[in-house]
Amino acid sequence: MSARRELLTAEQKTFLHCAIKNRDGSRCFYCRRNFRGRPLRRKTLDHFVPHRIWPGWDIDNLVLACERCNLAKADSLPWPFVWLLLAVFRQSEWELTA
């Protein structure tokens, strides 16, 4: 079952783009390519943790990504996040057995 995404108004999208750009810079979060001066490199809002896991438009879960990286990531968890989850899970599992 997929969570239905609520649509953002143009003003909301503009606000989020500006806020994330101020936080992270004007680069794709994944490939680090600069958006400035590159009109063909389309900026997208990407849910770092997929929308199906963390629904909504919380700015803490949004990054700017070029369309290519956003499509490549699709609905998967980024590897650094997977590694972090595994480390935390393994640490808590180890503490339970010790």
N, C-alpha and C. Protein backbone atom coordinates (compact mmCIF):
# COMPACT_ATOMS: atom_id res chain seq x y z
N MET A 1 0.85 -1.18 0.00
CA MET A 1 0.00 0.00 0.00
C MET A 1 0.90 1.24 0.00
N SER A 2 0.66 2.14 -0.93
CA SER A 2 1.50 3.34 -1.00
C SER A 2 0.78 4.52 -0.37
N ALA A 3 1.56 5.34 0.29
CA ALA A 3 1.00 6.56 0.89
C ALA A 3 0.78 7.59 -0.20
N ARG A 4 -0.35 8.23 -0.17
CA ARG A 4 -0.66 9.25 -1.18
C ARG A 4 0.03 10.56 -0.80
N ARG A 5 0.69 11.17 -1.75
CA ARG A 5 1.41 12.42 -1.49
C ARG A 5 0.48 13.60 -1.69
N GLU A 6 0.48 14.49 -0.73
CA GLU A 6 -0.27 15.73 -0.92
C GLU A 6 0.55 16.65 -1.81
N LEU A 7 -0.13 17.41 -2.64
CA LEU A 7 0.56 18.29 -3.57
C LEU A 7 0.91 19.60 -2.89
N LEU A 8 2.02 20.18 -3.31
CA LEU A 8 2.46 21.47 -2.79
C LEU A 8 2.06 22.57 -3.75
N THR A 9 1.79 23.74 -3.20
CA THR A 9 1.54 24.91 -4.05
C THR A 9 2.88 25.41 -4.58
N ALA A 10 2.85 26.26 -5.57
CA ALA A 10 4.08 26.84 -6.12
C ALA A 10 4.83 27.61 -5.04
N GLU A 11 4.09 28.32 -4.18
CA GLU A 11 4.73 29.10 -3.11
C GLU A 11 5.42 28.18 -2.11
N GLN A 12 4.79 27.07 -1.77
CA GLN A 12 5.39 26.12 -0.84
C GLN A 12 6.68 25.52 -1.43
N LYS A 13 6.63 25.16 -2.71
CA LYS A 13 7.82 24.60 -3.37
C LYS A 13 8.95 25.62 -3.39
N THR A 14 8.63 26.86 -3.71
CA THR A 14 9.65 27.92 -3.75
C THR A 14 10.26 28.10 -2.37
N PHE A 15 9.43 28.14 -1.33
CA PHE A 15 9.93 28.28 0.03
C PHE A 15 10.87 27.13 0.37
N LEU A 16 10.47 25.89 0.08
CA LEU A 16 11.30 24.73 0.41
C LEU A 16 12.61 24.76 -0.38
N HIS A 17 12.55 25.08 -1.67
CA HIS A 17 13.77 25.17 -2.47
C HIS A 17 14.74 26.18 -1.86
N CYS A 18 14.25 27.36 -1.49
CA CYS A 18 15.11 28.40 -0.91
C CYS A 18 15.67 27.98 0.43
N ALA A 19 14.83 27.41 1.28
CA ALA A 19 15.28 27.01 2.62
C ALA A 19 16.33 25.90 2.53
N ILE A 20 16.13 24.94 1.65
CA ILE A 20 17.09 23.84 1.51
C ILE A 20 18.38 24.34 0.87
N LYS A 21 18.24 25.25 -0.11
CA LYS A 21 19.43 25.83 -0.75
C LYS A 21 20.26 26.59 0.29
N ASN A 22 19.62 27.31 1.18
CA ASN A 22 20.34 28.03 2.24
C ASN A 22 21.00 27.06 3.21
N ARG A 23 20.37 25.93 3.46
CA ARG A 23 20.92 24.94 4.39
C ARG A 23 22.06 24.13 3.76
N ASP A 24 21.86 23.66 2.52
CA ASP A 24 22.79 22.71 1.90
C ASP A 24 23.63 23.27 0.76
N GLY A 25 23.29 24.46 0.28
CA GLY A 25 23.98 25.00 -0.88
C GLY A 25 23.21 24.70 -2.17
N SER A 26 23.71 25.25 -3.25
CA SER A 26 23.03 25.13 -4.54
C SER A 26 23.63 23.98 -5.36
N ARG A 27 23.68 22.82 -4.75
CA ARG A 27 24.25 21.62 -5.39
C ARG A 27 23.31 20.43 -5.19
N CYS A 28 23.43 19.47 -6.10
CA CYS A 28 22.70 18.22 -5.91
C CYS A 28 23.26 17.53 -4.67
N PHE A 29 22.40 17.08 -3.80
CA PHE A 29 22.81 16.44 -2.56
C PHE A 29 23.63 15.18 -2.82
N TYR A 30 23.35 14.47 -3.91
CA TYR A 30 23.97 13.17 -4.18
C TYR A 30 25.24 13.27 -5.03
N CYS A 31 25.18 13.94 -6.17
CA CYS A 31 26.35 13.99 -7.06
C CYS A 31 27.18 15.26 -6.84
N ARG A 32 26.67 16.21 -6.06
CA ARG A 32 27.34 17.46 -5.69
C ARG A 32 27.54 18.41 -6.86
N ARG A 33 26.90 18.18 -8.00
CA ARG A 33 27.02 19.10 -9.13
C ARG A 33 26.23 20.37 -8.83
N ASN A 34 26.79 21.48 -9.25
CA ASN A 34 26.21 22.79 -8.98
C ASN A 34 25.02 23.05 -9.90
N PHE A 35 23.95 23.64 -9.35
CA PHE A 35 22.78 24.00 -10.15
C PHE A 35 22.95 25.36 -10.82
N ARG A 36 23.80 26.23 -10.26
CA ARG A 36 23.96 27.58 -10.79
C ARG A 36 24.51 27.57 -12.21
N GLY A 37 23.89 28.36 -13.06
CA GLY A 37 24.36 28.48 -14.43
C GLY A 37 24.10 27.26 -15.29
N ARG A 38 23.29 26.35 -14.81
CA ARG A 38 22.98 25.14 -15.57
C ARG A 38 21.48 24.97 -15.67
N PRO A 39 20.85 25.70 -16.59
CA PRO A 39 19.39 25.64 -16.68
C PRO A 39 18.86 24.25 -17.07
N LEU A 40 19.69 23.42 -17.71
CA LEU A 40 19.22 22.10 -18.10
C LEU A 40 19.28 21.08 -16.96
N ARG A 41 20.01 21.42 -15.90
CA ARG A 41 20.07 20.52 -14.75
C ARG A 41 18.91 20.88 -13.81
N ARG A 42 17.83 20.16 -13.96
CA ARG A 42 16.60 20.48 -13.24
C ARG A 42 16.70 20.08 -11.77
N LYS A 43 16.38 21.05 -10.89
CA LYS A 43 16.36 20.80 -9.44
C LYS A 43 15.05 20.11 -9.08
N THR A 44 15.13 19.12 -8.22
CA THR A 44 13.93 18.49 -7.69
C THR A 44 14.04 18.42 -6.18
N LEU A 45 12.90 18.34 -5.53
CA LEU A 45 12.85 18.07 -4.09
C LEU A 45 12.83 16.56 -3.92
N ASP A 46 13.76 16.03 -3.15
CA ASP A 46 13.80 14.59 -2.94
C ASP A 46 13.62 14.28 -1.46
N HIS A 47 12.83 13.26 -1.18
CA HIS A 47 12.71 12.76 0.18
C HIS A 47 13.92 11.87 0.45
N PHE A 48 14.82 12.29 1.34
CA PHE A 48 16.02 11.52 1.67
C PHE A 48 15.63 10.12 2.13
N VAL A 49 14.78 10.06 3.14
CA VAL A 49 14.15 8.79 3.52
C VAL A 49 12.88 8.72 2.69
N PRO A 50 12.67 7.66 1.93
CA PRO A 50 11.53 7.62 0.99
C PRO A 50 10.20 7.98 1.63
N HIS A 51 9.38 8.60 0.82
CA HIS A 51 8.07 9.08 1.25
C HIS A 51 7.22 7.96 1.85
N ARG A 52 7.37 6.74 1.35
CA ARG A 52 6.57 5.62 1.88
C ARG A 52 6.95 5.28 3.32
N ILE A 53 8.19 5.65 3.73
CA ILE A 53 8.64 5.40 5.10
C ILE A 53 8.41 6.63 5.97
N TRP A 54 8.68 7.81 5.44
CA TRP A 54 8.53 9.07 6.17
C TRP A 54 7.67 10.00 5.32
N PRO A 55 6.34 9.83 5.38
CA PRO A 55 5.45 10.65 4.54
C PRO A 55 5.45 12.12 4.96
N GLY A 56 5.09 12.96 4.02
CA GLY A 56 4.97 14.39 4.30
C GLY A 56 6.10 15.17 3.68
N TRP A 57 6.11 16.46 3.96
CA TRP A 57 7.08 17.38 3.38
C TRP A 57 7.92 18.04 4.46
N ASP A 58 8.33 17.29 5.47
CA ASP A 58 9.17 17.81 6.55
C ASP A 58 10.53 18.19 5.98
N ILE A 59 10.93 19.43 6.19
CA ILE A 59 12.18 19.94 5.61
C ILE A 59 13.39 19.14 6.08
N ASP A 60 13.31 18.51 7.24
CA ASP A 60 14.43 17.69 7.72
C ASP A 60 14.64 16.44 6.88
N ASN A 61 13.65 16.06 6.09
CA ASN A 61 13.75 14.87 5.25
C ASN A 61 13.84 15.23 3.77
N LEU A 62 14.04 16.49 3.45
CA LEU A 62 14.09 16.90 2.04
C LEU A 62 15.48 17.39 1.68
N VAL A 63 15.89 17.07 0.46
CA VAL A 63 17.15 17.57 -0.10
C VAL A 63 16.88 18.00 -1.53
N LEU A 64 17.77 18.85 -2.07
CA LEU A 64 17.70 19.19 -3.49
C LEU A 64 18.53 18.16 -4.25
N ALA A 65 17.95 17.64 -5.32
CA ALA A 65 18.65 16.65 -6.14
C ALA A 65 18.40 16.96 -7.60
N CYS A 66 19.41 16.68 -8.43
CA CYS A 66 19.16 16.83 -9.86
C CYS A 66 18.20 15.70 -10.25
N GLU A 67 17.50 15.93 -11.33
CA GLU A 67 16.49 14.96 -11.74
C GLU A 67 17.10 13.57 -11.96
N ARG A 68 18.29 13.53 -12.53
CA ARG A 68 18.95 12.25 -12.79
C ARG A 68 19.21 11.47 -11.50
N CYS A 69 19.76 12.13 -10.49
CA CYS A 69 20.04 11.46 -9.21
C CYS A 69 18.74 11.05 -8.51
N ASN A 70 17.74 11.93 -8.55
CA ASN A 70 16.46 11.63 -7.92
C ASN A 70 15.84 10.39 -8.54
N LEU A 71 15.86 10.30 -9.87
CA LEU A 71 15.30 9.13 -10.54
C LEU A 71 16.13 7.88 -10.26
N ALA A 72 17.44 8.02 -10.16
CA ALA A 72 18.30 6.87 -9.87
C ALA A 72 18.07 6.34 -8.46
N LYS A 73 17.90 7.24 -7.50
CA LYS A 73 17.66 6.83 -6.11
C LYS A 73 16.29 6.20 -5.98
N ALA A 74 15.33 6.77 -6.70
CA ALA A 74 13.95 6.26 -6.69
C ALA A 74 13.40 6.17 -5.27
N ASP A 75 12.92 5.00 -4.89
CA ASP A 75 12.25 4.82 -3.60
C ASP A 75 13.11 4.00 -2.64
N SER A 76 14.44 4.15 -2.77
CA SER A 76 15.32 3.36 -1.92
C SER A 76 15.94 4.25 -0.83
N LEU A 77 16.43 3.60 0.19
CA LEU A 77 17.14 4.31 1.25
C LEU A 77 18.57 4.57 0.79
N PRO A 78 19.11 5.75 1.02
CA PRO A 78 20.52 6.01 0.68
C PRO A 78 21.43 5.13 1.52
N TRP A 79 22.54 4.65 0.93
CA TRP A 79 23.44 3.74 1.62
C TRP A 79 23.98 4.27 2.95
N PRO A 80 24.35 5.55 3.06
CA PRO A 80 24.83 6.01 4.38
C PRO A 80 23.78 5.81 5.47
N PHE A 81 22.52 6.00 5.12
CA PHE A 81 21.45 5.82 6.09
C PHE A 81 21.28 4.34 6.44
N VAL A 82 21.41 3.46 5.45
CA VAL A 82 21.32 2.02 5.70
C VAL A 82 22.44 1.58 6.64
N TRP A 83 23.67 2.06 6.37
CA TRP A 83 24.80 1.71 7.24
C TRP A 83 24.58 2.19 8.67
N LEU A 84 24.04 3.39 8.81
CA LEU A 84 23.76 3.92 10.14
C LEU A 84 22.73 3.06 10.87
N LEU A 85 21.67 2.68 10.18
CA LEU A 85 20.65 1.82 10.79
C LEU A 85 21.24 0.47 11.20
N LEU A 86 22.07 -0.09 10.34
CA LEU A 86 22.70 -1.37 10.67
C LEU A 86 23.62 -1.25 11.88
N ALA A 87 24.38 -0.18 11.95
CA ALA A 87 25.29 0.02 13.08
C ALA A 87 24.51 0.15 14.39
N VAL A 88 23.44 0.91 14.37
CA VAL A 88 22.63 1.10 15.58
C VAL A 88 21.96 -0.22 15.97
N PHE A 89 21.43 -0.92 14.98
CA PHE A 89 20.75 -2.19 15.25
C PHE A 89 21.74 -3.22 15.81
N ARG A 90 22.90 -3.32 15.19
CA ARG A 90 23.89 -4.29 15.65
C ARG A 90 24.40 -3.94 17.04
N GLN A 91 24.58 -2.65 17.34
CA GLN A 91 25.04 -2.23 18.66
C GLN A 91 24.01 -2.60 19.72
N SER A 92 22.73 -2.33 19.45
CA SER A 92 21.69 -2.65 20.43
C SER A 92 21.55 -4.17 20.57
N GLU A 93 21.73 -4.89 19.49
CA GLU A 93 21.66 -6.36 19.55
C GLU A 93 22.83 -6.90 20.40
N TRP A 94 24.02 -6.32 20.22
CA TRP A 94 25.19 -6.74 20.98
C TRP A 94 24.98 -6.46 22.47
N GLU A 95 24.40 -5.32 22.81
CA GLU A 95 24.16 -4.95 24.21
C GLU A 95 23.18 -5.91 24.87
N LEU A 96 22.21 -6.42 24.10
CA LEU A 96 21.24 -7.35 24.65
C LEU A 96 21.86 -8.71 24.95
N THR A 97 22.87 -9.12 24.18
CA THR A 97 23.48 -10.42 24.38
C THR A 97 24.64 -10.37 25.38
N ALA A 98 25.12 -9.20 25.69
CA ALA A 98 26.27 -9.07 26.60
C ALA A 98 25.85 -9.15 28.04
